[in-house]
N, C-alpha and C. Protein backbone atom coordinates (compact mmCIF):
# COMPACT_ATOMS: atom_id res chain seq x y z
N MET A 1 78.21 127.04 122.28
CA MET A 1 77.01 126.35 121.82
C MET A 1 77.31 124.86 121.68
N LYS A 2 76.33 124.08 122.00
CA LYS A 2 76.48 122.64 121.89
C LYS A 2 76.18 122.17 120.47
N TYR A 3 76.78 121.05 120.13
CA TYR A 3 76.49 120.40 118.85
C TYR A 3 75.37 119.40 119.06
N GLN A 4 74.46 119.33 118.11
CA GLN A 4 73.34 118.41 118.22
C GLN A 4 73.64 117.06 117.58
N ALA A 5 74.62 117.02 116.67
CA ALA A 5 74.88 115.77 115.96
C ALA A 5 76.34 115.69 115.54
N VAL A 6 76.76 114.48 115.24
CA VAL A 6 78.10 114.21 114.73
C VAL A 6 77.93 113.41 113.45
N ARG A 7 78.73 113.74 112.43
CA ARG A 7 78.61 113.02 111.16
C ARG A 7 79.99 112.67 110.64
N ILE A 8 80.13 111.40 110.23
CA ILE A 8 81.35 110.90 109.61
C ILE A 8 80.92 110.11 108.38
N ASP A 9 81.46 110.46 107.23
CA ASP A 9 81.12 109.76 105.99
C ASP A 9 82.31 108.94 105.52
N PHE A 10 82.05 107.69 105.14
CA PHE A 10 83.06 106.82 104.56
C PHE A 10 82.53 106.21 103.28
N THR A 11 83.39 106.07 102.28
CA THR A 11 83.05 105.21 101.15
C THR A 11 83.46 103.80 101.56
N ARG A 12 83.13 102.83 100.76
CA ARG A 12 83.48 101.45 101.09
C ARG A 12 85.00 101.27 101.16
N LYS A 13 85.72 101.82 100.18
CA LYS A 13 87.18 101.72 100.17
C LYS A 13 87.81 102.41 101.37
N GLU A 14 87.28 103.58 101.73
CA GLU A 14 87.81 104.30 102.89
C GLU A 14 87.59 103.52 104.17
N LEU A 15 86.44 102.92 104.34
CA LEU A 15 86.15 102.15 105.53
C LEU A 15 87.06 100.93 105.64
N ILE A 16 87.27 100.23 104.53
CA ILE A 16 88.17 99.07 104.54
C ILE A 16 89.59 99.49 104.89
N TYR A 17 90.06 100.59 104.30
CA TYR A 17 91.40 101.07 104.61
C TYR A 17 91.50 101.49 106.08
N PHE A 18 90.49 102.20 106.56
CA PHE A 18 90.49 102.71 107.92
C PHE A 18 90.52 101.58 108.95
N LEU A 19 89.77 100.51 108.71
CA LEU A 19 89.66 99.44 109.68
C LEU A 19 90.70 98.33 109.52
N LEU A 20 91.07 98.00 108.27
CA LEU A 20 91.83 96.78 108.05
C LEU A 20 93.25 96.95 107.53
N LYS A 21 93.51 97.97 106.77
CA LYS A 21 94.81 98.09 106.10
C LYS A 21 95.88 98.64 107.05
N LYS A 22 97.12 98.26 106.76
CA LYS A 22 98.25 98.79 107.52
C LYS A 22 98.53 100.21 107.04
N LYS A 23 98.71 101.11 107.97
CA LYS A 23 98.91 102.53 107.63
C LYS A 23 100.39 102.79 107.36
N VAL A 24 100.76 102.77 106.07
CA VAL A 24 102.14 102.97 105.63
C VAL A 24 102.16 104.13 104.63
N CYS A 25 103.15 105.00 104.76
CA CYS A 25 103.28 106.16 103.87
C CYS A 25 103.55 105.69 102.44
N PRO A 26 102.79 106.18 101.46
CA PRO A 26 103.03 105.79 100.08
C PRO A 26 104.34 106.37 99.51
N GLY A 27 104.85 107.43 100.11
CA GLY A 27 106.07 108.05 99.62
C GLY A 27 107.34 107.38 100.12
N CYS A 28 107.43 107.20 101.44
CA CYS A 28 108.69 106.70 102.00
C CYS A 28 108.55 105.36 102.73
N GLY A 29 107.34 104.89 102.95
CA GLY A 29 107.15 103.61 103.63
C GLY A 29 107.16 103.72 105.15
N GLY A 30 107.13 104.93 105.68
CA GLY A 30 107.14 105.14 107.13
C GLY A 30 105.78 104.92 107.76
N ARG A 31 105.77 104.87 109.09
CA ARG A 31 104.55 104.66 109.84
C ARG A 31 103.70 105.94 109.85
N MET A 32 102.38 105.77 109.77
CA MET A 32 101.46 106.90 109.71
C MET A 32 100.74 107.05 111.05
N ILE A 33 100.54 108.30 111.46
CA ILE A 33 99.82 108.63 112.68
C ILE A 33 98.45 109.20 112.28
N LYS A 34 97.39 108.66 112.90
CA LYS A 34 96.03 109.09 112.58
C LYS A 34 95.67 110.33 113.39
N SER A 35 94.98 111.28 112.75
CA SER A 35 94.42 112.43 113.44
C SER A 35 93.07 112.73 112.82
N ARG A 36 92.25 113.43 113.55
CA ARG A 36 90.95 113.80 113.01
C ARG A 36 90.72 115.29 113.24
N GLU A 37 90.01 115.88 112.31
CA GLU A 37 89.66 117.28 112.38
C GLU A 37 88.16 117.39 112.10
N TYR A 38 87.58 118.46 112.58
CA TYR A 38 86.16 118.65 112.29
C TYR A 38 85.89 120.09 111.89
N GLU A 39 84.81 120.23 111.17
CA GLU A 39 84.32 121.55 110.82
C GLU A 39 82.85 121.62 111.20
N THR A 40 82.39 122.80 111.48
CA THR A 40 81.00 122.98 111.85
C THR A 40 80.16 123.20 110.60
N ARG A 41 79.14 122.39 110.49
CA ARG A 41 78.17 122.56 109.41
C ARG A 41 76.79 122.62 110.02
N TYR A 42 75.81 122.84 109.19
CA TYR A 42 74.44 122.95 109.68
C TYR A 42 73.57 121.89 109.04
N GLY A 43 72.48 121.54 109.71
CA GLY A 43 71.60 120.47 109.27
C GLY A 43 71.05 120.62 107.88
N ARG A 44 70.92 121.85 107.40
CA ARG A 44 70.35 122.08 106.07
C ARG A 44 71.26 121.54 104.96
N GLU A 45 72.53 121.24 105.26
CA GLU A 45 73.46 120.73 104.26
C GLU A 45 73.33 119.22 104.05
N PHE A 46 72.63 118.52 104.94
CA PHE A 46 72.55 117.07 104.89
C PHE A 46 71.12 116.61 104.62
N TYR A 47 70.81 116.45 103.36
CA TYR A 47 69.51 115.94 102.97
C TYR A 47 69.69 114.57 102.35
N SER A 48 68.74 113.72 102.57
CA SER A 48 68.78 112.39 101.97
C SER A 48 67.52 112.19 101.14
N VAL A 49 67.41 111.05 100.53
CA VAL A 49 66.24 110.73 99.71
C VAL A 49 64.98 110.67 100.58
N ARG A 50 65.16 110.24 101.82
CA ARG A 50 64.01 110.08 102.71
C ARG A 50 63.57 111.38 103.38
N GLY A 51 64.32 112.45 103.20
CA GLY A 51 63.94 113.73 103.82
C GLY A 51 65.13 114.34 104.54
N PRO A 52 64.89 115.40 105.28
CA PRO A 52 66.00 116.08 105.95
C PRO A 52 66.63 115.23 107.04
N PHE A 53 67.93 115.35 107.16
CA PHE A 53 68.69 114.63 108.19
C PHE A 53 68.44 115.26 109.56
N LEU A 54 68.52 116.58 109.61
CA LEU A 54 68.32 117.35 110.84
C LEU A 54 67.55 118.63 110.51
N ALA A 55 67.15 119.35 111.55
CA ALA A 55 66.55 120.66 111.33
C ALA A 55 67.59 121.59 110.70
N ASP A 56 67.13 122.57 109.96
CA ASP A 56 68.03 123.45 109.20
C ASP A 56 69.09 124.16 110.03
N ASN A 57 68.77 124.57 111.23
CA ASN A 57 69.69 125.37 112.01
C ASN A 57 70.49 124.58 113.04
N GLU A 58 70.39 123.26 113.08
CA GLU A 58 71.13 122.46 114.05
C GLU A 58 72.60 122.37 113.65
N ARG A 59 73.48 122.52 114.63
CA ARG A 59 74.92 122.46 114.39
C ARG A 59 75.39 121.00 114.36
N VAL A 60 76.24 120.69 113.39
CA VAL A 60 76.74 119.32 113.19
C VAL A 60 78.26 119.36 113.15
N LYS A 61 78.90 118.47 113.91
CA LYS A 61 80.35 118.30 113.81
C LYS A 61 80.61 117.32 112.67
N TYR A 62 81.28 117.76 111.63
CA TYR A 62 81.55 116.93 110.45
C TYR A 62 83.04 116.57 110.48
N TYR A 63 83.34 115.30 110.78
CA TYR A 63 84.71 114.84 110.97
C TYR A 63 85.37 114.39 109.67
N SER A 64 86.68 114.65 109.58
CA SER A 64 87.53 114.15 108.50
C SER A 64 88.77 113.54 109.14
N PHE A 65 89.28 112.47 108.56
CA PHE A 65 90.45 111.80 109.10
C PHE A 65 91.66 112.04 108.22
N TYR A 66 92.81 112.25 108.87
CA TYR A 66 94.07 112.51 108.18
C TYR A 66 95.15 111.62 108.78
N PHE A 67 96.14 111.30 107.96
CA PHE A 67 97.27 110.50 108.40
C PHE A 67 98.55 111.24 108.07
N THR A 68 99.45 111.35 109.06
CA THR A 68 100.71 112.06 108.89
C THR A 68 101.85 111.06 109.07
N CYS A 69 102.82 111.10 108.15
CA CYS A 69 103.97 110.21 108.21
C CYS A 69 104.94 110.69 109.28
N GLU A 70 105.43 109.77 110.11
CA GLU A 70 106.39 110.13 111.14
C GLU A 70 107.75 110.50 110.56
N GLU A 71 108.12 109.87 109.44
CA GLU A 71 109.46 110.07 108.88
C GLU A 71 109.55 111.30 107.97
N CYS A 72 108.68 111.38 106.97
CA CYS A 72 108.79 112.49 106.02
C CYS A 72 107.88 113.67 106.34
N GLY A 73 106.88 113.48 107.21
CA GLY A 73 106.02 114.57 107.63
C GLY A 73 104.90 114.92 106.68
N LYS A 74 104.69 114.15 105.61
CA LYS A 74 103.60 114.45 104.68
C LYS A 74 102.26 114.05 105.29
N LYS A 75 101.24 114.83 104.96
CA LYS A 75 99.90 114.63 105.49
C LYS A 75 98.98 114.19 104.35
N TYR A 76 98.25 113.09 104.57
CA TYR A 76 97.34 112.54 103.57
C TYR A 76 95.95 112.44 104.17
N SER A 77 94.95 112.70 103.33
CA SER A 77 93.56 112.48 103.78
C SER A 77 93.24 111.00 103.59
N LEU A 78 92.20 110.55 104.25
CA LEU A 78 91.78 109.16 104.14
C LEU A 78 91.38 108.83 102.71
N SER A 79 90.74 109.75 102.02
CA SER A 79 90.32 109.48 100.63
C SER A 79 91.53 109.35 99.70
N GLU A 80 92.60 110.09 99.95
CA GLU A 80 93.82 109.97 99.14
C GLU A 80 94.46 108.60 99.32
N LEU A 81 94.51 108.12 100.53
CA LEU A 81 95.14 106.83 100.81
C LEU A 81 94.31 105.65 100.33
N ALA A 82 93.00 105.76 100.43
CA ALA A 82 92.13 104.66 100.02
C ALA A 82 91.98 104.57 98.50
N GLY A 83 92.18 105.69 97.81
CA GLY A 83 91.98 105.72 96.37
C GLY A 83 93.16 105.19 95.67
């Protein structure tokens, strides 16, 4: 089945970190590698003040970004690093 939409949510801090900050491991100081994962959600989960985002049964790819340290191998989410 095809996906009808793609959704990526960022807070202001996450967006600044994602675009501008140097990706360094908080534990060991090693270089971080970016990866993204997605989960399937449905349009009924995304409502805004102005009304529904999509029809209730439409499939949405909901992306999350993760960073993995090359040296120590720890995996951090974008929200963990930006916070």
